[in-house]
PDB file of N, CA and C in Angstrom:
ATOM      1  N   MET A   1      48.742 -16.761  19.399  1.00  0.00           N
ATOM      2  CA  MET A   1      48.748 -17.297  20.618  1.00  0.00           C
ATOM      3  C   MET A   1      47.769 -16.117  20.932  1.00  0.00           C
ATOM      4  N   SER A   2      46.685 -15.856  21.531  1.00  0.00           N
ATOM      5  CA  SER A   2      45.418 -14.876  21.660  1.00  0.00           C
ATOM      6  C   SER A   2      46.154 -14.462  23.563  1.00  0.00           C
ATOM      7  N   LYS A   3      45.892 -12.850  23.493  1.00  0.00           N
ATOM      8  CA  LYS A   3      46.319 -12.095  25.124  1.00  0.00           C
ATOM      9  C   LYS A   3      44.990 -12.133  25.919  1.00  0.00           C
ATOM     10  N   LYS A   4      45.739 -12.315  26.718  1.00  0.00           N
ATOM     11  CA  LYS A   4      44.331 -13.130  27.690  1.00  0.00           C
ATOM     12  C   LYS A   4      43.747 -11.696  27.940  1.00  0.00           C
ATOM     13  N   LYS A   5      42.768 -11.080  28.308  1.00  0.00           N
ATOM     14  CA  LYS A   5      42.106 -10.106  28.728  1.00  0.00           C
ATOM     15  C   LYS A   5      42.064  -9.962  30.397  1.00  0.00           C
ATOM     16  N   ASN A   6      42.143  -8.785  30.841  1.00  0.00           N
ATOM     17  CA  ASN A   6      41.908  -8.759  32.302  1.00  0.00           C
ATOM     18  C   ASN A   6      40.983  -7.280  32.388  1.00  0.00           C
ATOM     19  N   THR A   7      39.257  -8.392  32.584  1.00  0.00           N
ATOM     20  CA  THR A   7      38.663  -7.616  32.739  1.00  0.00           C
ATOM     21  C   THR A   7      38.387  -6.628  34.011  1.00  0.00           C
ATOM     22  N   LEU A   8      39.372  -6.953  34.737  1.00  0.00           N
ATOM     23  CA  LEU A   8      39.303  -6.078  35.995  1.00  0.00           C
ATOM     24  C   LEU A   8      39.845  -4.791  35.768  1.00  0.00           C
ATOM     25  N   LYS A   9      41.084  -4.883  35.188  1.00  0.00           N
ATOM     26  CA  LYS A   9      42.107  -4.043  34.681  1.00  0.00           C
ATOM     27  C   LYS A   9      41.080  -2.667  33.413  1.00  0.00           C
ATOM     28  N   ASP A  10      40.296  -3.680  32.982  1.00  0.00           N
ATOM     29  CA  ASP A  10      39.244  -2.952  32.421  1.00  0.00           C
ATOM     30  C   ASP A  10      38.885  -2.247  32.713  1.00  0.00           C
ATOM     31  N   LEU A  11      37.530  -2.630  34.138  1.00  0.00           N
ATOM     32  CA  LEU A  11      36.786  -2.021  34.738  1.00  0.00           C
ATOM     33  C   LEU A  11      37.566  -0.815  34.905  1.00  0.00           C
ATOM     34  N   ASP A  12      38.202  -1.043  35.470  1.00  0.00           N
ATOM     35  CA  ASP A  12      39.164  -0.191  36.317  1.00  0.00           C
ATOM     36  C   ASP A  12      39.404   1.409  35.597  1.00  0.00           C
ATOM     37  N   GLU A  13      40.163   1.042  34.244  1.00  0.00           N
ATOM     38  CA  GLU A  13      40.035   1.967  33.560  1.00  0.00           C
ATOM     39  C   GLU A  13      39.476   2.739  33.104  1.00  0.00           C
ATOM     40  N   PHE A  14      37.880   1.840  32.928  1.00  0.00           N
ATOM     41  CA  PHE A  14      36.884   2.499  32.535  1.00  0.00           C
ATOM     42  C   PHE A  14      36.111   3.612  33.582  1.00  0.00           C
ATOM     43  N   LEU A  15      36.474   3.197  34.913  1.00  0.00           N
ATOM     44  CA  LEU A  15      35.895   3.907  35.975  1.00  0.00           C
ATOM     45  C   LEU A  15      36.297   5.311  36.220  1.00  0.00           C
ATOM     46  N   LYS A  16      37.871   5.084  35.986  1.00  0.00           N
ATOM     47  CA  LYS A  16      38.690   6.146  36.450  1.00  0.00           C
ATOM     48  C   LYS A  16      38.710   7.350  35.221  1.00  0.00           C
ATOM     49  N   GLN A  17      38.651   6.685  33.836  1.00  0.00           N
ATOM     50  CA  GLN A  17      38.203   7.928  32.654  1.00  0.00           C
ATOM     51  C   GLN A  17      36.815   8.308  32.802  1.00  0.00           C
ATOM     52  N   GLN A  18      35.589   7.671  33.830  1.00  0.00           N
ATOM     53  CA  GLN A  18      34.428   8.320  33.758  1.00  0.00           C
ATOM     54  C   GLN A  18      34.452   9.375  34.956  1.00  0.00           C
ATOM     55  N   ALA A  19      35.243   8.986  35.537  1.00  0.00           N
ATOM     56  CA  ALA A  19      35.294   9.701  37.139  1.00  0.00           C
ATOM     57  C   ALA A  19      35.947  10.885  36.657  1.00  0.00           C
ATOM     58  N   ALA A  20      37.339  10.806  35.896  1.00  0.00           N
ATOM     59  CA  ALA A  20      37.713  12.136  35.780  1.00  0.00           C
ATOM     60  C   ALA A  20      36.952  12.831  35.149  1.00  0.00           C
ATOM     61  N   THR A  21      36.095  12.458  33.766  1.00  0.00           N
ATOM     62  CA  THR A  21      35.343  13.270  32.970  1.00  0.00           C
ATOM     63  C   THR A  21      34.259  13.850  33.855  1.00  0.00           C
ATOM     64  N   LEU A  22      33.839  13.574  34.821  1.00  0.00           N
ATOM     65  CA  LEU A  22      32.798  14.132  36.201  1.00  0.00           C
ATOM     66  C   LEU A  22      33.234  15.076  36.815  1.00  0.00           C
ATOM     67  N   VAL A  23      34.230  14.819  37.632  1.00  0.00           N
ATOM     68  CA  VAL A  23      34.638  15.404  38.620  1.00  0.00           C
ATOM     69  C   VAL A  23      36.185  15.149  38.537  1.00  0.00           C
ATOM     70  N   SER A  24      36.424  17.008  38.593  1.00  0.00           N
ATOM     71  CA  SER A  24      38.387  16.862  38.599  1.00  0.00           C
ATOM     72  C   SER A  24      38.958  16.109  39.964  1.00  0.00           C
ATOM     73  N   PRO A  25      39.915  15.755  39.751  1.00  0.00           N
ATOM     74  CA  PRO A  25      40.722  15.299  41.091  1.00  0.00           C
ATOM     75  C   PRO A  25      40.938  16.488  41.861  1.00  0.00           C
ATOM     76  N   VAL A  26      41.127  16.115  43.175  1.00  0.00           N
ATOM     77  CA  VAL A  26      41.729  17.033  44.202  1.00  0.00           C
ATOM     78  C   VAL A  26      43.269  16.761  44.538  1.00  0.00           C
ATOM     79  N   GLN A  27      43.813  17.600  44.478  1.00  0.00           N
ATOM     80  CA  GLN A  27      45.321  17.613  44.388  1.00  0.00           C
ATOM     81  C   GLN A  27      46.009  16.902  45.948  1.00  0.00           C
ATOM     82  N   LEU A  28      46.575  16.431  46.075  1.00  0.00           N
ATOM     83  CA  LEU A  28      46.866  15.630  47.518  1.00  0.00           C
ATOM     84  C   LEU A  28      47.612  16.883  48.741  1.00  0.00           C
ATOM     85  N   SER A  29      47.817  18.146  48.036  1.00  0.00           N
ATOM     86  CA  SER A  29      48.360  19.180  48.989  1.00  0.00           C
ATOM     87  C   SER A  29      46.811  19.858  49.856  1.00  0.00           C
ATOM     88  N   GLU A  30      45.928  19.656  48.724  1.00  0.00           N
ATOM     89  CA  GLU A  30      44.730  20.175  49.353  1.00  0.00           C
ATOM     90  C   GLU A  30      44.255  19.395  50.129  1.00  0.00           C
ATOM     91  N   LYS A  31      44.238  18.074  50.198  1.00  0.00           N
ATOM     92  CA  LYS A  31      43.240  17.312  51.355  1.00  0.00           C
ATOM     93  C   LYS A  31      44.139  17.844  52.437  1.00  0.00           C
ATOM     94  N   ILE A  32      43.510  17.430  53.907  1.00  0.00           N
ATOM     95  CA  ILE A  32      43.578  18.172  54.937  1.00  0.00           C
ATOM     96  C   ILE A  32      43.236  16.822  55.927  1.00  0.00           C
ATOM     97  N   ASP A  33      42.342  15.962  56.111  1.00  0.00           N
ATOM     98  CA  ASP A  33      42.015  15.133  56.518  1.00  0.00           C
ATOM     99  C   ASP A  33      41.459  14.078  55.792  1.00  0.00           C
ATOM    100  N   ALA A  34      41.016  12.779  56.784  1.00  0.00           N
ATOM    101  CA  ALA A  34      40.473  11.836  55.626  1.00  0.00           C
ATOM    102  C   ALA A  34      39.012  12.306  56.030  1.00  0.00           C
ATOM    103  N   PRO A  35      38.348  11.704  54.662  1.00  0.00           N
ATOM    104  CA  PRO A  35      36.689  12.118  54.302  1.00  0.00           C
ATOM    105  C   PRO A  35      36.005  11.744  55.533  1.00  0.00           C
ATOM    106  N   GLU A  36      34.783  12.840  55.736  1.00  0.00           N
ATOM    107  CA  GLU A  36      34.341  12.275  56.891  1.00  0.00           C
ATOM    108  C   GLU A  36      32.558  11.583  56.118  1.00  0.00           C
ATOM    109  N   PRO A  37      32.215  10.643  56.834  1.00  0.00           N
ATOM    110  CA  PRO A  37      31.206   9.732  55.725  1.00  0.00           C
ATOM    111  C   PRO A  37      29.867  10.481  55.899  1.00  0.00           C
ATOM    112  N   VAL A  38      29.402  10.506  54.409  1.00  0.00           N
ATOM    113  CA  VAL A  38      28.318  11.256  54.049  1.00  0.00           C
ATOM    114  C   VAL A  38      27.009  10.861  54.361  1.00  0.00           C
ATOM    115  N   LYS A  39      26.300  11.718  55.118  1.00  0.00           N
ATOM    116  CA  LYS A  39      24.848  11.366  55.184  1.00  0.00           C
ATOM    117  C   LYS A  39      23.996  11.567  54.478  1.00  0.00           C
ATOM    118  N   GLN A  40      23.346  10.080  54.143  1.00  0.00           N
ATOM    119  CA  GLN A  40      22.464  10.145  52.823  1.00  0.00           C
ATOM    120  C   GLN A  40      21.148   9.460  53.597  1.00  0.00           C
ATOM    121  N   ASN A  41      19.954  10.156  52.609  1.00  0.00           N
ATOM    122  CA  ASN A  41      18.632   9.549  53.013  1.00  0.00           C
ATOM    123  C   ASN A  41      18.269   8.369  52.624  1.00  0.00           C
ATOM    124  N   ILE A  42      18.827   7.423  53.487  1.00  0.00           N
ATOM    125  CA  ILE A  42      18.591   5.888  53.204  1.00  0.00           C
ATOM    126  C   ILE A  42      17.717   5.558  54.224  1.00  0.00           C
ATOM    127  N   SER A  43      16.597   4.485  54.226  1.00  0.00           N
ATOM    128  CA  SER A  43      15.499   4.304  54.897  1.00  0.00           C
ATOM    129  C   SER A  43      16.341   3.186  56.081  1.00  0.00           C
ATOM    130  N   PRO A  44      16.460   3.435  57.368  1.00  0.00           N
ATOM    131  CA  PRO A  44      16.881   2.375  58.001  1.00  0.00           C
ATOM    132  C   PRO A  44      16.054   0.963  58.104  1.00  0.00           C
ATOM    133  N   THR A  45      16.985  -0.119  57.887  1.00  0.00           N
ATOM    134  CA  THR A  45      16.485  -1.179  57.570  1.00  0.00           C
ATOM    135  C   THR A  45      16.955  -1.911  59.339  1.00  0.00           C
ATOM    136  N   PRO A  46      15.771  -2.560  59.732  1.00  0.00           N
ATOM    137  CA  PRO A  46      15.636  -3.143  60.736  1.00  0.00           C
ATOM    138  C   PRO A  46      16.782  -4.533  60.759  1.00  0.00           C
ATOM    139  N   ALA A  47      17.676  -4.967  61.840  1.00  0.00           N
ATOM    140  CA  ALA A  47      18.648  -5.742  61.873  1.00  0.00           C
ATOM    141  C   ALA A  47      17.968  -7.186  61.708  1.00  0.00           C
ATOM    142  N   VAL A  48      18.376  -8.033  60.879  1.00  0.00           N
ATOM    143  CA  VAL A  48      17.686  -9.155  60.354  1.00  0.00           C
ATOM    144  C   VAL A  48      17.782 -10.428  61.605  1.00  0.00           C
ATOM    145  N   ALA A  49      19.128  -9.928  61.908  1.00  0.00           N
ATOM    146  CA  ALA A  49      19.272 -10.819  63.482  1.00  0.00           C
ATOM    147  C   ALA A  49      20.225 -10.388  64.091  1.00  0.00           C
ATOM    148  N   THR A  50      20.261 -10.344  65.161  1.00  0.00           N
ATOM    149  CA  THR A  50      21.312  -9.504  66.191  1.00  0.00           C
ATOM    150  C   THR A  50      22.224 -10.267  66.788  1.00  0.00           C
ATOM    151  N   THR A  51      23.061  -9.984  67.002  1.00  0.00           N
ATOM    152  CA  THR A  51      23.999 -10.282  67.275  1.00  0.00           C
ATOM    153  C   THR A  51      24.539 -10.264  68.896  1.00  0.00           C
ATOM    154  N   THR A  52      24.390 -11.815  69.648  1.00  0.00           N
ATOM    155  CA  THR A  52      24.713 -11.658  70.929  1.00  0.00           C
ATOM    156  C   THR A  52      26.120 -11.611  71.357  1.00  0.00           C
ATOM    157  N   PRO A  53      26.613 -11.446  72.835  1.00  0.00           N
ATOM    158  CA  PRO A  53      27.895 -11.192  73.060  1.00  0.00           C
ATOM    159  C   PRO A  53      28.712 -12.916  72.849  1.00  0.00           C
ATOM    160  N   ASP A  54      27.897 -13.928  72.768  1.00  0.00           N
ATOM    161  CA  ASP A  54      28.681 -15.270  72.301  1.00  0.00           C
ATOM    162  C   ASP A  54      28.861 -15.340  71.060  1.00  0.00           C
ATOM    163  N   GLU A  55      27.908 -14.815  70.267  1.00  0.00           N
ATOM    164  CA  GLU A  55      28.036 -14.685  68.869  1.00  0.00           C
ATOM    165  C   GLU A  55      29.044 -13.665  67.890  1.00  0.00           C
ATOM    166  N   GLU A  56      30.106 -14.633  67.308  1.00  0.00           N
ATOM    167  CA  GLU A  56      31.005 -13.539  66.524  1.00  0.00           C
ATOM    168  C   GLU A  56      30.768 -13.243  65.258  1.00  0.00           C
ATOM    169  N   VAL A  57      31.041 -11.962  65.010  1.00  0.00           N
ATOM    170  CA  VAL A  57      30.583 -11.389  63.778  1.00  0.00           C
ATOM    171  C   VAL A  57      31.640 -11.770  62.588  1.00  0.00           C
ATOM    172  N   SER A  58      31.129 -13.005  61.466  1.00  0.00           N
ATOM    173  CA  SER A  58      32.043 -13.569  60.781  1.00  0.00           C
ATOM    174  C   SER A  58      31.508 -13.098  59.301  1.00  0.00           C
ATOM    175  N   VAL A  59      32.332 -14.271  58.548  1.00  0.00           N
ATOM    176  CA  VAL A  59      31.711 -13.884  57.077  1.00  0.00           C
ATOM    177  C   VAL A  59      30.729 -14.823  56.962  1.00  0.00           C
ATOM    178  N   SER A  60      30.800 -15.759  57.580  1.00  0.00           N
ATOM    179  CA  SER A  60      29.390 -16.787  57.205  1.00  0.00           C
ATOM    180  C   SER A  60      28.161 -16.318  57.927  1.00  0.00           C
ATOM    181  N   THR A  61      28.205 -15.803  59.253  1.00  0.00           N
ATOM    182  CA  THR A  61      27.016 -15.664  59.859  1.00  0.00           C
ATOM    183  C   THR A  61      26.801 -14.004  58.901  1.00  0.00           C
ATOM    184  N   LEU A  62      27.856 -13.083  58.582  1.00  0.00           N
ATOM    185  CA  LEU A  62      27.103 -12.177  57.961  1.00  0.00           C
ATOM    186  C   LEU A  62      26.416 -12.492  56.161  1.00  0.00           C
ATOM    187  N   LEU A  63      26.862 -13.563  55.669  1.00  0.00           N
ATOM    188  CA  LEU A  63      26.597 -14.095  54.835  1.00  0.00           C
ATOM    189  C   LEU A  63      24.683 -14.716  54.530  1.00  0.00           C
ATOM    190  N   ARG A  64      25.019 -15.378  56.346  1.00  0.00           N
ATOM    191  CA  ARG A  64      23.342 -15.853  56.226  1.00  0.00           C
ATOM    192  C   ARG A  64      22.557 -14.713  56.583  1.00  0.00           C
ATOM    193  N   ASP A  65      23.012 -13.879  57.078  1.00  0.00           N
ATOM    194  CA  ASP A  65      22.002 -12.907  57.664  1.00  0.00           C
ATOM    195  C   ASP A  65      21.659 -11.742  56.066  1.00  0.00           C
ATOM    196  N   LEU A  66      22.568 -11.530  55.249  1.00  0.00           N
ATOM    197  CA  LEU A  66      22.706 -11.411  54.169  1.00  0.00           C
ATOM    198  C   LEU A  66      21.222 -11.845  53.371  1.00  0.00           C
ATOM    199  N   ASN A  67      21.602 -13.238  53.431  1.00  0.00           N
ATOM    200  CA  ASN A  67      20.583 -14.393  52.620  1.00  0.00           C
ATOM    201  C   ASN A  67      19.285 -14.093  53.254  1.00  0.00           C
ATOM    202  N   THR A  68      19.061 -14.112  54.474  1.00  0.00           N
ATOM    203  CA  THR A  68      18.144 -13.475  55.154  1.00  0.00           C
ATOM    204  C   THR A  68      17.426 -12.483  54.165  1.00  0.00           C
ATOM    205  N   LEU A  69      17.914 -11.497  54.713  1.00  0.00           N
ATOM    206  CA  LEU A  69      17.466 -10.063  54.304  1.00  0.00           C
ATOM    207  C   LEU A  69      16.963  -9.811  52.846  1.00  0.00           C
ATOM    208  N   ALA A  70      17.720 -10.739  52.090  1.00  0.00           N
ATOM    209  CA  ALA A  70      17.441 -10.544  50.612  1.00  0.00           C
ATOM    210  C   ALA A  70      16.167 -11.376  50.562  1.00  0.00           C
ATOM    211  N   ALA A  71      15.794 -12.909  51.000  1.00  0.00           N
ATOM    212  CA  ALA A  71      15.133 -13.382  51.143  1.00  0.00           C
ATOM    213  C   ALA A  71      13.469 -12.556  51.190  1.00  0.00           C
ATOM    214  N   LYS A  72      13.684 -11.534  52.800  1.00  0.00           N
ATOM    215  CA  LYS A  72      12.498 -10.739  52.916  1.00  0.00           C
ATOM    216  C   LYS A  72      12.313  -9.319  52.187  1.00  0.00           C
ATOM    217  N   GLU A  73      13.323  -8.996  51.888  1.00  0.00           N
ATOM    218  CA  GLU A  73      13.196  -7.344  51.091  1.00  0.00           C
ATOM    219  C   GLU A  73      12.584  -8.121  49.614  1.00  0.00           C
ATOM    220  N   GLY A  74      12.740  -8.915  48.997  1.00  0.00           N
ATOM    221  CA  GLY A  74      12.686  -9.387  47.701  1.00  0.00           C
ATOM    222  C   GLY A  74      13.309  -8.456  46.687  1.00  0.00           C
ATOM    223  N   SER A  75      12.933  -7.836  45.677  1.00  0.00           N
ATOM    224  CA  SER A  75      12.907  -6.604  44.507  1.00  0.00           C
ATOM    225  C   SER A  75      13.851  -5.364  45.084  1.00  0.00           C
ATOM    226  N   SER A  76      13.406  -5.079  46.229  1.00  0.00           N
ATOM    227  CA  SER A  76      14.217  -3.763  46.734  1.00  0.00           C
ATOM    228  C   SER A  76      15.861  -4.165  47.371  1.00  0.00           C
ATOM    229  N   TYR A  77      16.030  -5.588  47.934  1.00  0.00           N
ATOM    230  CA  TYR A  77      16.985  -5.751  48.352  1.00  0.00           C
ATOM    231  C   TYR A  77      18.585  -5.411  47.574  1.00  0.00           C
ATOM    232  N   ARG A  78      18.196  -5.345  46.362  1.00  0.00           N
ATOM    233  CA  ARG A  78      19.755  -4.893  45.602  1.00  0.00           C
ATOM    234  C   ARG A  78      20.271  -3.196  45.448  1.00  0.00           C
ATOM    235  N   LYS A  79      19.288  -2.323  46.012  1.00  0.00           N
ATOM    236  CA  LYS A  79      19.389  -1.549  46.080  1.00  0.00           C
ATOM    237  C   LYS A  79      20.075  -1.158  47.166  1.00  0.00           C
ATOM    238  N   LYS A  80      19.390  -1.911  48.272  1.00  0.00           N
ATOM    239  CA  LYS A  80      19.624  -1.578  50.124  1.00  0.00           C
ATOM    240  C   LYS A  80      21.016  -2.431  49.897  1.00  0.00           C
ATOM    241  N   PHE A  81      21.055  -2.898  49.483  1.00  0.00           N
ATOM    242  CA  PHE A  81      22.875  -4.068  48.977  1.00  0.00           C
ATOM    243  C   PHE A  81      23.823  -2.809  48.971  1.00  0.00           C
ATOM    244  N   TYR A  82      23.981  -2.089  47.705  1.00  0.00           N
ATOM    245  CA  TYR A  82      24.657  -1.225  47.254  1.00  0.00           C
ATOM    246  C   TYR A  82      24.468  -0.175  48.070  1.00  0.00           C
ATOM    247  N   ASP A  83      23.328   0.276  48.791  1.00  0.00           N
ATOM    248  CA  ASP A  83      23.838   1.230  49.908  1.00  0.00           C
ATOM    249  C   ASP A  83      24.618   1.039  51.028  1.00  0.00           C
ATOM    250  N   LEU A  84      24.824  -0.553  51.484  1.00  0.00           N
ATOM    251  CA  LEU A  84      25.215  -0.732  52.360  1.00  0.00           C
ATOM    252  C   LEU A  84      26.961  -1.101  52.242  1.00  0.00           C
ATOM    253  N   ILE A  85      27.337  -1.630  51.034  1.00  0.00           N
ATOM    254  CA  ILE A  85      28.335  -1.369  50.777  1.00  0.00           C
ATOM    255  C   ILE A  85      28.827  -0.239  50.688  1.00  0.00           C
ATOM    256  N   ILE A  86      28.241   0.885  49.789  1.00  0.00           N
ATOM    257  CA  ILE A  86      28.660   2.482  50.113  1.00  0.00           C
ATOM    258  C   ILE A  86      28.641   2.823  51.418  1.00  0.00           C
ATOM    259  N   GLN A  87      27.787   2.612  52.069  1.00  0.00           N
ATOM    260  CA  GLN A  87      28.079   2.858  53.623  1.00  0.00           C
ATOM    261  C   GLN A  87      29.217   2.065  54.290  1.00  0.00           C
ATOM    262  N   SER A  88      29.394   0.833  54.177  1.00  0.00           N
ATOM    263  CA  SER A  88      30.720   0.643  54.855  1.00  0.00           C
ATOM    264  C   SER A  88      31.947   0.808  54.420  1.00  0.00           C
ATOM    265  N   LEU A  89      31.972   1.185  53.075  1.00  0.00           N
ATOM    266  CA  LEU A  89      33.295   1.474  52.542  1.00  0.00           C
ATOM    267  C   LEU A  89      33.294   3.320  53.105  1.00  0.00           C
ATOM    268  N   GLU A  90      32.576   4.287  53.400  1.00  0.00           N
ATOM    269  CA  GLU A  90      32.552   5.297  54.020  1.00  0.00           C
ATOM    270  C   GLU A  90      32.973   5.492  55.349  1.00  0.00           C
ATOM    271  N   ASN A  91      32.396   4.392  56.075  1.00  0.00           N
ATOM    272  CA  ASN A  91      33.344   3.949  57.365  1.00  0.00           C
ATOM    273  C   ASN A  91      34.282   3.654  58.093  1.00  0.00           C
ATOM    274  N   GLN A  92      35.307   3.417  56.728  1.00  0.00           N
ATOM    275  CA  GLN A  92      36.589   2.559  56.657  1.00  0.00           C
ATOM    276  C   GLN A  92      37.435   3.897  57.329  1.00  0.00           C
ATOM    277  N   ASN A  93      38.361   3.674  57.872  1.00  0.00           N
ATOM    278  CA  ASN A  93      39.393   4.753  58.801  1.00  0.00           C
ATOM    279  C   ASN A  93      40.605   5.033  57.357  1.00  0.00           C
ATOM    280  N   GLN A  94      40.664   3.980  56.662  1.00  0.00           N
ATOM    281  CA  GLN A  94      41.543   5.045  55.287  1.00  0.00           C
ATOM    282  C   GLN A  94      41.001   4.417  54.261  1.00  0.00           C
ATOM    283  N   SER A  95      41.165   5.492  53.307  1.00  0.00           N
ATOM    284  CA  SER A  95      39.914   5.434  51.605  1.00  0.00           C
ATOM    285  C   SER A  95      41.397   4.680  50.828  1.00  0.00           C
ATOM    286  N   LEU A  96      40.841   3.404  50.653  1.00  0.00           N
ATOM    287  CA  LEU A  96      41.698   3.605  48.996  1.00  0.00           C
ATOM    288  C   LEU A  96      41.389   3.888  47.965  1.00  0.00           C
ATOM    289  N   PRO A  97      42.149   3.789  46.629  1.00  0.00           N
ATOM    290  CA  PRO A  97      41.671   3.569  45.246  1.00  0.00           C
ATOM    291  C   PRO A  97      40.869   2.851  45.068  1.00  0.00           C
ATOM    292  N   GLU A  98      40.471   1.075  45.243  1.00  0.00           N
ATOM    293  CA  GLU A  98      40.136   0.416  45.321  1.00  0.00           C
ATOM    294  C   GLU A  98      38.335   0.710  46.200  1.00  0.00           C
ATOM    295  N   ASP A  99      38.973   1.133  46.868  1.00  0.00           N
ATOM    296  CA  ASP A  99      37.105   1.247  47.904  1.00  0.00           C
ATOM    297  C   ASP A  99      36.306   2.755  47.078  1.00  0.00           C
ATOM    298  N   LYS A 100      37.137   3.718  46.121  1.00  0.00           N
ATOM    299  CA  LYS A 100      36.809   4.502  45.627  1.00  0.00           C
ATOM    300  C   LYS A 100      35.648   3.788  44.148  1.00  0.00           C
ATOM    301  N   MET A 101      36.604   2.762  43.741  1.00  0.00           N
ATOM    302  CA  MET A 101      36.445   2.053  42.219  1.00  0.00           C
ATOM    303  C   MET A 101      35.184   1.416  42.837  1.00  0.00           C
ATOM    304  N   LEU A 102      34.891   0.840  43.963  1.00  0.00           N
ATOM    305  CA  LEU A 102      33.795  -0.038  44.516  1.00  0.00           C
ATOM    306  C   LEU A 102      32.520   0.845  44.714  1.00  0.00           C
ATOM    307  N   ILE A 103      32.646   1.864  45.234  1.00  0.00           N
ATOM    308  CA  ILE A 103      31.470   2.963  45.622  1.00  0.00           C
ATOM    309  C   ILE A 103      31.153   3.536  44.180  1.00  0.00           C
ATOM    310  N   ASN A 104      31.605   3.528  43.378  1.00  0.00           N
ATOM    311  CA  ASN A 104      31.507   4.124  41.629  1.00  0.00           C
ATOM    312  C   ASN A 104      30.347   3.197  40.954  1.00  0.00           C
ATOM    313  N   THR A 105      30.991   1.871  41.398  1.00  0.00           N
ATOM    314  CA  THR A 105      30.673   0.657  40.790  1.00  0.00           C
ATOM    315  C   THR A 105      28.942   0.446  41.231  1.00  0.00           C
ATOM    316  N   ALA A 106      29.193   0.432  42.556  1.00  0.00           N
ATOM    317  CA  ALA A 106      27.759   0.419  43.428  1.00  0.00           C
ATOM    318  C   ALA A 106      26.997   1.507  42.684  1.00  0.00           C
ATOM    319  N   LEU A 107      27.310   2.734  42.954  1.00  0.00           N
ATOM    320  CA  LEU A 107      26.648   3.796  42.273  1.00  0.00           C
ATOM    321  C   LEU A 107      26.022   3.288  40.859  1.00  0.00           C
ATOM    322  N   TYR A 108      26.846   2.971  39.789  1.00  0.00           N
ATOM    323  CA  TYR A 108      26.334   2.612  38.635  1.00  0.00           C
ATOM    324  C   TYR A 108      25.630   1.778  38.472  1.00  0.00           C
ATOM    325  N   LEU A 109      25.409   0.374  39.779  1.00  0.00           N
ATOM    326  CA  LEU A 109      24.485  -0.523  39.933  1.00  0.00           C
ATOM    327  C   LEU A 109      23.477  -0.128  39.779  1.00  0.00           C
ATOM    328  N   LYS A 110      23.118   1.000  41.136  1.00  0.00           N
ATOM    329  CA  LYS A 110      22.452   1.033  42.020  1.00  0.00           C
ATOM    330  C   LYS A 110      21.258   2.819  40.960  1.00  0.00           C
ATOM    331  N   SER A 111      21.758   3.065  40.198  1.00  0.00           N
ATOM    332  CA  SER A 111      21.350   4.184  39.439  1.00  0.00           C
ATOM    333  C   SER A 111      20.701   4.159  37.958  1.00  0.00           C
ATOM    334  N   GLY A 112      21.370   3.204  37.352  1.00  0.00           N
ATOM    335  CA  GLY A 112      20.972   2.680  36.121  1.00  0.00           C
ATOM    336  C   GLY A 112      21.358   3.819  34.980  1.00  0.00           C
ATOM    337  N   ASP A 113      20.452   4.050  34.338  1.00  0.00           N
ATOM    338  CA  ASP A 113      20.874   5.524  33.360  1.00  0.00           C
ATOM    339  C   ASP A 113      21.401   6.714  33.475  1.00  0.00           C
ATOM    340  N   ASN A 114      20.991   6.937  34.996  1.00  0.00           N
ATOM    341  CA  ASN A 114      21.320   8.370  35.489  1.00  0.00           C
ATOM    342  C   ASN A 114      22.658   8.060  36.467  1.00  0.00           C
ATOM    343  N   TRP A 115      23.378   6.929  36.003  1.00  0.00           N
ATOM    344  CA  TRP A 115      24.861   6.549  36.995  1.00  0.00           C
ATOM    345  C   TRP A 115      25.734   7.644  36.661  1.00  0.00           C
ATOM    346  N   LYS A 116      25.646   8.579  35.621  1.00  0.00           N
ATOM    347  CA  LYS A 116      26.968   9.632  35.658  1.00  0.00           C
ATOM    348  C   LYS A 116      26.411  10.679  36.539  1.00  0.00           C
ATOM    349  N   ASP A 117      25.086  10.903  36.483  1.00  0.00           N
ATOM    350  CA  ASP A 117      24.688  11.550  37.941  1.00  0.00           C
ATOM    351  C   ASP A 117      24.925  11.612  39.020  1.00  0.00           C
ATOM    352  N   ALA A 118      24.410  10.339  39.334  1.00  0.00           N
ATOM    353  CA  ALA A 118      24.383   9.829  40.450  1.00  0.00           C
ATOM    354  C   ALA A 118      25.860   9.716  40.979  1.00  0.00           C
ATOM    355  N   ILE A 119      26.722   9.757  40.385  1.00  0.00           N
ATOM    356  CA  ILE A 119      28.346   9.440  40.578  1.00  0.00           C
ATOM    357  C   ILE A 119      29.003  10.851  40.890  1.00  0.00           C
ATOM    358  N   ARG A 120      28.498  11.941  39.864  1.00  0.00           N
ATOM    359  CA  ARG A 120      28.955  13.298  39.915  1.00  0.00           C
ATOM    360  C   ARG A 120      28.542  13.956  41.423  1.00  0.00           C
ATOM    361  N   ASN A 121      27.046  13.610  41.687  1.00  0.00           N
ATOM    362  CA  ASN A 121      26.879  14.081  42.618  1.00  0.00           C
ATOM    363  C   ASN A 121      26.993  13.524  43.843  1.00  0.00           C
ATOM    364  N   TYR A 122      27.115  12.337  44.134  1.00  0.00           N
ATOM    365  CA  TYR A 122      28.162  11.692  44.977  1.00  0.00           C
ATOM    366  C   TYR A 122      28.897  12.370  45.496  1.00  0.00           C
ATOM    367  N   TRP A 123      30.153  12.470  44.769  1.00  0.00           N
ATOM    368  CA  TRP A 123      31.218  13.046  44.936  1.00  0.00           C
ATOM    369  C   TRP A 123      31.526  14.474  45.162  1.00  0.00           C
ATOM    370  N   LYS A 124      30.390  15.076  45.059  1.00  0.00           N
ATOM    371  CA  LYS A 124      30.443  16.630  45.074  1.00  0.00           C
ATOM    372  C   LYS A 124      29.936  16.712  46.623  1.00  0.00           C
ATOM    373  N   GLY A 125      29.320  15.625  47.064  1.00  0.00           N
ATOM    374  CA  GLY A 125      28.749  15.610  48.216  1.00  0.00           C
ATOM    375  C   GLY A 125      29.792  15.715  49.281  1.00  0.00           C
ATOM    376  N   VAL A 126      31.234  14.544  49.291  1.00  0.00           N
ATOM    377  CA  VAL A 126      32.127  14.026  49.674  1.00  0.00           C
ATOM    378  C   VAL A 126      32.783  15.376  50.247  1.00  0.00           C
ATOM    379  N   LYS A 127      33.080  15.394  51.885  1.00  0.00           N
ATOM    380  CA  LYS A 127      33.659  16.320  52.425  1.00  0.00           C
ATOM    381  C   LYS A 127      35.086  16.089  51.606  1.00  0.00           C
ATOM    382  N   ARG A 128      36.234  16.751  51.721  1.00  0.00           N
ATOM    383  CA  ARG A 128      37.617  16.571  50.948  1.00  0.00           C
ATOM    384  C   ARG A 128      38.501  17.101  52.145  1.00  0.00           C
TER     385      ARG A 128
END
């Protein structure tokens, strides 16, 4: 009987291994406060649909707005979507290891062949 592969676990291990070779981890005793969001030079995109006080933000409305944005932006949508993922995780009150993995994955997808430099530069720029 063959053993079932866990591709998410493999991806997690790969990204941890790559991150460890790129940036040395900070000891917890050195960490003072939660990191502040990094200000990046990302061109602001106008909101596709503004929410009214009567309309609640939900997964379905968010998905609808993302689909509308994708149709409007065309080929540049993916990089803007990756930036959106990174920015939304930076603005969280608590940073989880899964968040860091998702940021690394978004940087990898966004940067192509220069992914190592992009990840290294991103984490060097984050205040700890």
